[in-house]
Amino acid sequence: MLSSSDAPVHPQSLTIVQQQLNLLETGQLTWRGEVWPGQSMEWSITDQPPSGRESPDPQQWQSRLRLTLPKLGEVVATLELNQGGLKLAIRAQDEATLSLMRNDQQPLSEAMTTAGLKVLGIDFGGKT
């Protein structure tokens, strides 16, 4: 057993190092916690390797965010990002929330384009 002076990292950082190694091994990060007092959020990021070893499909990342907002209710956003661009799917528990987001999607699309992302599509397909 190594003494704390023999360890390759500081003992207080062992938990963080273990999480980083797990992320490298699984290609997935999941976080659950409170983002504002009384408001929880679930966030996951997944590395989706191309299908097949010799596939021409580009590397793809998927990020999924689920939160419950005081005025909008439960909202789930799924982003798929690859070298071709970004696809965004938004689901909400309340139809009024989906309608509000559909009507105001232009500023979101413009902001993503301004940030250098090619928006391939935004889908407000249904309820959570």
Protein backbone atom coordinates (compact mmCIF):
# COMPACT_ATOMS: atom_id res chain seq x y z
CA MET A 1 0.00 0.00 0.00
CA LEU A 2 1.29 3.44 -0.92
CA SER A 3 1.73 6.12 1.67
CA SER A 4 0.20 9.50 0.86
CA SER A 5 3.65 10.81 -0.06
CA ASP A 6 4.10 7.94 -2.58
CA ALA A 7 0.72 8.41 -4.31
CA PRO A 8 0.86 9.72 -7.91
CA VAL A 9 -1.78 12.37 -7.09
CA HIS A 10 -2.71 14.37 -4.02
CA PRO A 11 -5.03 12.32 -1.76
CA GLN A 12 -7.73 15.00 -1.87
CA SER A 13 -7.91 14.75 -5.67
CA LEU A 14 -8.29 10.94 -5.84
CA THR A 15 -12.10 11.16 -6.25
CA ILE A 16 -11.80 13.57 -9.17
CA VAL A 17 -9.10 11.48 -10.83
CA GLN A 18 -11.26 8.36 -10.47
CA GLN A 19 -14.22 10.19 -12.09
CA GLN A 20 -12.02 11.32 -14.98
CA LEU A 21 -10.72 7.79 -15.54
CA ASN A 22 -14.28 6.46 -15.47
CA LEU A 23 -15.32 9.06 -18.06
CA LEU A 24 -12.44 8.06 -20.35
CA GLU A 25 -13.35 4.40 -20.00
CA THR A 26 -17.13 4.66 -20.51
CA GLY A 27 -17.45 7.74 -22.73
CA GLN A 28 -20.33 8.94 -20.57
CA LEU A 29 -20.75 11.62 -17.93
CA THR A 30 -23.90 11.97 -15.84
CA TRP A 31 -24.54 14.69 -13.30
CA ARG A 32 -27.53 15.17 -11.02
CA GLY A 33 -27.80 18.04 -8.65
CA GLU A 34 -29.34 21.30 -7.64
CA VAL A 35 -28.71 24.19 -10.05
CA TRP A 36 -30.73 26.75 -8.09
CA PRO A 37 -32.26 26.40 -4.65
CA GLY A 38 -35.07 23.87 -4.95
CA GLN A 39 -34.40 23.15 -8.65
CA SER A 40 -32.78 19.92 -9.64
CA MET A 41 -31.22 19.06 -12.96
CA GLU A 42 -30.05 15.88 -14.67
CA TRP A 43 -27.39 16.22 -17.34
CA SER A 44 -25.67 13.51 -19.33
CA ILE A 45 -23.06 13.65 -22.07
CA THR A 46 -22.39 10.58 -24.15
CA ASP A 47 -19.71 9.91 -26.73
CA GLN A 48 -21.39 7.88 -29.46
CA PRO A 49 -18.71 6.21 -31.55
CA PRO A 50 -19.36 5.71 -35.25
CA SER A 51 -21.30 2.55 -36.08
CA GLY A 52 -18.88 -0.10 -37.30
CA ARG A 53 -15.10 0.02 -37.31
CA GLU A 54 -14.72 1.34 -40.84
CA SER A 55 -17.83 3.51 -40.83
CA PRO A 56 -17.66 6.84 -42.62
CA ASP A 57 -20.07 8.26 -40.01
CA PRO A 58 -18.47 11.03 -37.96
CA GLN A 59 -17.96 10.90 -34.22
CA GLN A 60 -21.11 12.09 -32.47
CA TRP A 61 -21.76 13.50 -29.02
CA GLN A 62 -25.14 13.56 -27.36
CA SER A 63 -26.01 15.76 -24.42
CA ARG A 64 -29.32 15.44 -22.59
CA LEU A 65 -30.56 17.97 -20.07
CA ARG A 66 -33.68 17.53 -17.94
CA LEU A 67 -34.96 20.19 -15.59
CA THR A 68 -38.18 21.37 -14.06
CA LEU A 69 -38.65 25.11 -14.25
CA PRO A 70 -41.14 27.05 -12.10
CA LYS A 71 -43.10 28.60 -14.99
CA LEU A 72 -42.37 26.09 -17.78
CA GLY A 73 -42.61 22.75 -15.98
CA GLU A 74 -40.43 19.82 -16.98
CA VAL A 75 -38.26 20.42 -20.04
CA VAL A 76 -35.91 17.93 -21.70
CA ALA A 77 -33.39 19.09 -24.31
CA THR A 78 -31.34 16.60 -26.32
CA LEU A 79 -28.44 17.89 -28.41
CA GLU A 80 -26.64 15.75 -30.96
CA LEU A 81 -23.38 17.21 -32.22
CA ASN A 82 -21.04 15.91 -34.91
CA GLN A 83 -18.73 17.49 -37.46
CA GLY A 84 -21.76 18.19 -39.68
CA GLY A 85 -23.51 20.33 -37.10
CA LEU A 86 -26.04 20.31 -34.30
CA LYS A 87 -29.50 18.81 -33.96
CA LEU A 88 -31.65 19.89 -31.03
CA ALA A 89 -34.80 18.15 -29.78
CA ILE A 90 -36.88 19.78 -27.07
CA ARG A 91 -39.68 18.06 -25.18
CA ALA A 92 -41.86 19.56 -22.48
CA GLN A 93 -44.50 18.28 -20.11
CA ASP A 94 -46.84 21.15 -20.93
CA GLU A 95 -48.10 21.87 -24.46
CA ALA A 96 -48.13 25.62 -23.70
CA THR A 97 -44.40 25.44 -22.95
CA LEU A 98 -43.73 23.69 -26.27
CA SER A 99 -45.78 26.30 -28.10
CA LEU A 100 -43.89 29.15 -26.38
CA MET A 101 -40.54 27.62 -27.28
CA ARG A 102 -41.59 26.93 -30.88
CA ASN A 103 -42.65 30.56 -31.30
CA ASP A 104 -39.37 31.88 -29.87
CA GLN A 105 -36.91 29.47 -31.49
CA GLN A 106 -35.42 32.02 -33.91
CA PRO A 107 -33.24 33.82 -31.30
CA LEU A 108 -31.95 30.45 -30.09
CA SER A 109 -31.07 29.35 -33.60
CA GLU A 110 -29.39 32.69 -34.34
CA ALA A 111 -27.37 32.53 -31.10
CA MET A 112 -26.10 29.05 -31.92
CA THR A 113 -25.18 30.13 -35.45
CA THR A 114 -23.38 33.20 -34.06
CA ALA A 115 -21.46 30.86 -31.72
CA GLY A 116 -20.18 29.00 -34.79
CA LEU A 117 -22.55 26.03 -34.74
CA LYS A 118 -24.27 24.84 -37.90
CA VAL A 119 -27.85 24.17 -36.85
CA LEU A 120 -29.13 21.10 -38.71
CA GLY A 121 -32.53 21.18 -37.08
CA ILE A 122 -34.61 22.01 -34.05
CA ASP A 123 -37.45 19.65 -33.21
CA PHE A 124 -40.24 20.44 -30.75
CA GLY A 125 -41.73 17.01 -31.19
CA GLY A 126 -43.83 16.40 -28.14
CA LYS A 127 -44.27 15.85 -24.46
CA THR A 128 -41.74 14.40 -22.04
